[in-house]
Amino acid sequence: MDRISILIVDDHEIIHSGISDILKKEKRLEIIGHAYNGDEAIEKALELKPNIIFMDISMPKKNGIEVTSLLSEHIPETKII
């Protein structure tokens, strides 16, 4: 069974904790990284190439819409929610 890699992007630690707590119960899902602003999200996504990114829309530096647009061009196989 292949694992599904996930990057969580949000500027609030409580969101990271909540999503992590929910997803860690699923053996197929693996959280491979966390990013707290748009620039960090781009850097980590390009480095880690996750299967899925949970993306916040409102963040410092670059918002989630800008980041999603850029990442969709560079890693189109990654699904962004």
N, C-alpha and C. Protein backbone atom coordinates (compact mmCIF):
# COMPACT_ATOMS: atom_id res chain seq x y z
N MET A 1 0.85 -1.17 0.00
CA MET A 1 0.00 0.00 0.00
C MET A 1 0.90 1.24 0.00
N ASP A 2 0.71 2.11 -1.00
CA ASP A 2 1.49 3.35 -1.08
C ASP A 2 0.98 4.36 -0.08
N ARG A 3 1.92 5.09 0.50
CA ARG A 3 1.55 6.15 1.45
C ARG A 3 1.28 7.43 0.68
N ILE A 4 0.41 8.25 1.22
CA ILE A 4 0.06 9.54 0.64
C ILE A 4 0.75 10.61 1.47
N SER A 5 1.61 11.38 0.83
CA SER A 5 2.37 12.41 1.54
C SER A 5 1.61 13.73 1.54
N ILE A 6 1.68 14.43 2.67
CA ILE A 6 0.88 15.65 2.86
C ILE A 6 1.76 16.76 3.42
N LEU A 7 1.57 17.96 2.86
CA LEU A 7 2.19 19.19 3.37
C LEU A 7 1.05 20.07 3.88
N ILE A 8 1.17 20.54 5.12
CA ILE A 8 0.16 21.43 5.71
C ILE A 8 0.69 22.85 5.67
N VAL A 9 -0.11 23.76 5.08
CA VAL A 9 0.30 25.16 4.93
C VAL A 9 -0.76 26.05 5.58
N ASP A 10 -0.38 26.70 6.66
CA ASP A 10 -1.28 27.61 7.37
C ASP A 10 -0.43 28.45 8.32
N ASP A 11 -0.86 29.66 8.59
CA ASP A 11 -0.09 30.53 9.48
C ASP A 11 -0.49 30.40 10.94
N HIS A 12 -1.34 29.44 11.26
CA HIS A 12 -1.77 29.22 12.63
C HIS A 12 -1.38 27.82 13.11
N GLU A 13 -0.62 27.77 14.18
CA GLU A 13 -0.15 26.50 14.72
C GLU A 13 -1.30 25.57 15.11
N ILE A 14 -2.39 26.13 15.60
CA ILE A 14 -3.53 25.30 16.03
C ILE A 14 -4.13 24.52 14.84
N ILE A 15 -4.09 25.09 13.67
CA ILE A 15 -4.58 24.39 12.46
C ILE A 15 -3.65 23.22 12.15
N HIS A 16 -2.35 23.47 12.20
CA HIS A 16 -1.38 22.39 11.97
C HIS A 16 -1.62 21.24 12.95
N SER A 17 -1.78 21.58 14.21
CA SER A 17 -1.99 20.56 15.25
C SER A 17 -3.28 19.80 15.02
N GLY A 18 -4.36 20.52 14.71
CA GLY A 18 -5.66 19.87 14.51
C GLY A 18 -5.66 18.92 13.32
N ILE A 19 -5.14 19.38 12.19
CA ILE A 19 -5.08 18.52 10.99
C ILE A 19 -4.18 17.33 11.26
N SER A 20 -3.04 17.57 11.88
CA SER A 20 -2.12 16.47 12.20
C SER A 20 -2.77 15.43 13.10
N ASP A 21 -3.48 15.88 14.12
CA ASP A 21 -4.14 14.95 15.04
C ASP A 21 -5.18 14.09 14.33
N ILE A 22 -5.90 14.68 13.41
CA ILE A 22 -6.92 13.93 12.67
C ILE A 22 -6.28 12.93 11.71
N LEU A 23 -5.26 13.38 10.98
CA LEU A 23 -4.69 12.54 9.92
C LEU A 23 -3.75 11.45 10.43
N LYS A 24 -3.16 11.65 11.60
CA LYS A 24 -2.19 10.65 12.07
C LYS A 24 -2.85 9.30 12.37
N LYS A 25 -4.14 9.26 12.47
CA LYS A 25 -4.86 8.00 12.73
C LYS A 25 -4.92 7.12 11.48
N GLU A 26 -4.72 7.72 10.32
CA GLU A 26 -4.78 6.99 9.05
C GLU A 26 -3.38 6.53 8.66
N LYS A 27 -3.17 5.23 8.61
CA LYS A 27 -1.85 4.68 8.35
C LYS A 27 -1.32 5.01 6.95
N ARG A 28 -2.22 5.20 5.99
CA ARG A 28 -1.79 5.51 4.62
C ARG A 28 -1.33 6.95 4.44
N LEU A 29 -1.67 7.81 5.40
CA LEU A 29 -1.35 9.23 5.27
C LEU A 29 -0.11 9.57 6.07
N GLU A 30 0.78 10.36 5.47
CA GLU A 30 2.01 10.76 6.15
C GLU A 30 2.22 12.26 5.98
N ILE A 31 2.26 12.98 7.07
CA ILE A 31 2.54 14.41 7.02
C ILE A 31 4.05 14.56 6.91
N ILE A 32 4.49 15.12 5.78
CA ILE A 32 5.93 15.22 5.53
C ILE A 32 6.47 16.62 5.77
N GLY A 33 5.57 17.59 6.04
CA GLY A 33 6.07 18.93 6.29
C GLY A 33 4.99 19.91 6.69
N HIS A 34 5.47 21.03 7.20
CA HIS A 34 4.60 22.14 7.62
C HIS A 34 5.20 23.43 7.09
N ALA A 35 4.35 24.34 6.64
CA ALA A 35 4.79 25.68 6.22
C ALA A 35 3.83 26.70 6.83
N TYR A 36 4.37 27.86 7.18
CA TYR A 36 3.60 28.85 7.93
C TYR A 36 3.38 30.17 7.18
N ASN A 37 3.90 30.27 5.96
CA ASN A 37 3.63 31.44 5.11
C ASN A 37 3.80 31.03 3.65
N GLY A 38 3.45 31.91 2.75
CA GLY A 38 3.48 31.57 1.34
C GLY A 38 4.86 31.24 0.79
N ASP A 39 5.86 32.00 1.19
CA ASP A 39 7.22 31.73 0.70
C ASP A 39 7.72 30.37 1.18
N GLU A 40 7.47 30.07 2.44
CA GLU A 40 7.89 28.77 2.99
C GLU A 40 7.12 27.64 2.31
N ALA A 41 5.86 27.87 1.99
CA ALA A 41 5.05 26.85 1.30
C ALA A 41 5.65 26.50 -0.05
N ILE A 42 6.06 27.51 -0.80
CA ILE A 42 6.66 27.27 -2.12
C ILE A 42 7.95 26.47 -1.96
N GLU A 43 8.80 26.92 -1.06
CA GLU A 43 10.09 26.26 -0.84
C GLU A 43 9.90 24.79 -0.46
N LYS A 44 9.05 24.54 0.51
CA LYS A 44 8.86 23.15 0.99
C LYS A 44 8.16 22.28 -0.05
N ALA A 45 7.17 22.83 -0.73
CA ALA A 45 6.45 22.04 -1.73
C ALA A 45 7.37 21.62 -2.87
N LEU A 46 8.21 22.53 -3.34
CA LEU A 46 9.14 22.20 -4.42
C LEU A 46 10.20 21.21 -3.97
N GLU A 47 10.59 21.30 -2.72
CA GLU A 47 11.59 20.37 -2.17
C GLU A 47 10.99 18.99 -1.90
N LEU A 48 9.83 18.95 -1.26
CA LEU A 48 9.25 17.69 -0.79
C LEU A 48 8.34 17.00 -1.81
N LYS A 49 7.77 17.76 -2.73
CA LYS A 49 6.84 17.25 -3.74
C LYS A 49 5.78 16.31 -3.14
N PRO A 50 4.95 16.85 -2.25
CA PRO A 50 3.92 16.02 -1.61
C PRO A 50 2.82 15.62 -2.59
N ASN A 51 2.08 14.58 -2.24
CA ASN A 51 0.92 14.19 -3.04
C ASN A 51 -0.21 15.20 -2.87
N ILE A 52 -0.37 15.71 -1.63
CA ILE A 52 -1.47 16.62 -1.30
C ILE A 52 -0.92 17.78 -0.47
N ILE A 53 -1.45 18.99 -0.72
CA ILE A 53 -1.15 20.15 0.11
C ILE A 53 -2.48 20.68 0.65
N PHE A 54 -2.57 20.81 1.97
CA PHE A 54 -3.69 21.52 2.59
C PHE A 54 -3.26 22.97 2.70
N MET A 55 -3.88 23.85 1.89
CA MET A 55 -3.42 25.23 1.72
C MET A 55 -4.41 26.23 2.33
N ASP A 56 -3.90 27.08 3.20
CA ASP A 56 -4.68 28.21 3.72
C ASP A 56 -4.71 29.29 2.63
N ILE A 57 -5.77 30.05 2.55
CA ILE A 57 -5.85 31.13 1.56
C ILE A 57 -5.19 32.40 2.07
N SER A 58 -5.43 32.75 3.33
CA SER A 58 -4.94 34.01 3.88
C SER A 58 -3.70 33.77 4.75
N MET A 59 -2.52 34.15 4.20
CA MET A 59 -1.26 33.96 4.91
C MET A 59 -0.34 35.14 4.65
N PRO A 60 0.69 35.30 5.48
CA PRO A 60 1.68 36.35 5.23
C PRO A 60 2.56 36.01 4.02
N LYS A 61 3.19 37.00 3.50
CA LYS A 61 4.16 36.97 2.40
C LYS A 61 3.51 36.71 1.05
N LYS A 62 2.89 35.57 0.85
CA LYS A 62 2.10 35.28 -0.36
C LYS A 62 0.85 34.55 0.11
N ASN A 63 -0.29 34.89 -0.50
CA ASN A 63 -1.51 34.21 -0.08
C ASN A 63 -1.61 32.85 -0.77
N GLY A 64 -2.55 32.05 -0.30
CA GLY A 64 -2.72 30.69 -0.81
C GLY A 64 -3.09 30.61 -2.27
N ILE A 65 -3.77 31.62 -2.78
CA ILE A 65 -4.15 31.63 -4.20
C ILE A 65 -2.91 31.84 -5.07
N GLU A 66 -2.05 32.77 -4.68
CA GLU A 66 -0.80 33.00 -5.42
C GLU A 66 0.08 31.75 -5.39
N VAL A 67 0.20 31.16 -4.22
CA VAL A 67 1.04 29.97 -4.06
C VAL A 67 0.48 28.81 -4.87
N THR A 68 -0.82 28.62 -4.83
CA THR A 68 -1.45 27.53 -5.58
C THR A 68 -1.21 27.70 -7.07
N SER A 69 -1.35 28.90 -7.56
CA SER A 69 -1.13 29.18 -8.98
C SER A 69 0.30 28.82 -9.39
N LEU A 70 1.26 29.25 -8.61
CA LEU A 70 2.66 28.98 -8.92
C LEU A 70 2.97 27.48 -8.84
N LEU A 71 2.50 26.84 -7.78
CA LEU A 71 2.80 25.41 -7.60
C LEU A 71 2.10 24.55 -8.65
N SER A 72 0.94 24.96 -9.10
CA SER A 72 0.23 24.20 -10.13
C SER A 72 1.04 24.12 -11.43
N GLU A 73 1.83 25.14 -11.68
CA GLU A 73 2.70 25.14 -12.87
C GLU A 73 3.93 24.25 -12.67
N HIS A 74 4.50 24.26 -11.47
CA HIS A 74 5.76 23.57 -11.23
C HIS A 74 5.62 22.13 -10.77
N ILE A 75 4.56 21.83 -10.03
CA ILE A 75 4.34 20.43 -9.60
C ILE A 75 2.85 20.09 -9.82
N PRO A 76 2.46 19.97 -11.08
CA PRO A 76 1.04 19.76 -11.40
C PRO A 76 0.47 18.45 -10.86
N GLU A 77 1.32 17.49 -10.54
CA GLU A 77 0.83 16.21 -10.02
C GLU A 77 0.39 16.32 -8.55
N THR A 78 0.77 17.40 -7.87
CA THR A 78 0.36 17.61 -6.49
C THR A 78 -1.05 18.20 -6.44
N LYS A 79 -1.90 17.61 -5.65
CA LYS A 79 -3.27 18.11 -5.47
C LYS A 79 -3.29 19.11 -4.33
N ILE A 80 -3.95 20.25 -4.55
CA ILE A 80 -3.98 21.30 -3.54
C ILE A 80 -5.42 21.52 -3.08
N ILE A 81 -5.62 21.40 -1.79
CA ILE A 81 -6.95 21.58 -1.20
C ILE A 81 -6.94 22.83 -0.36
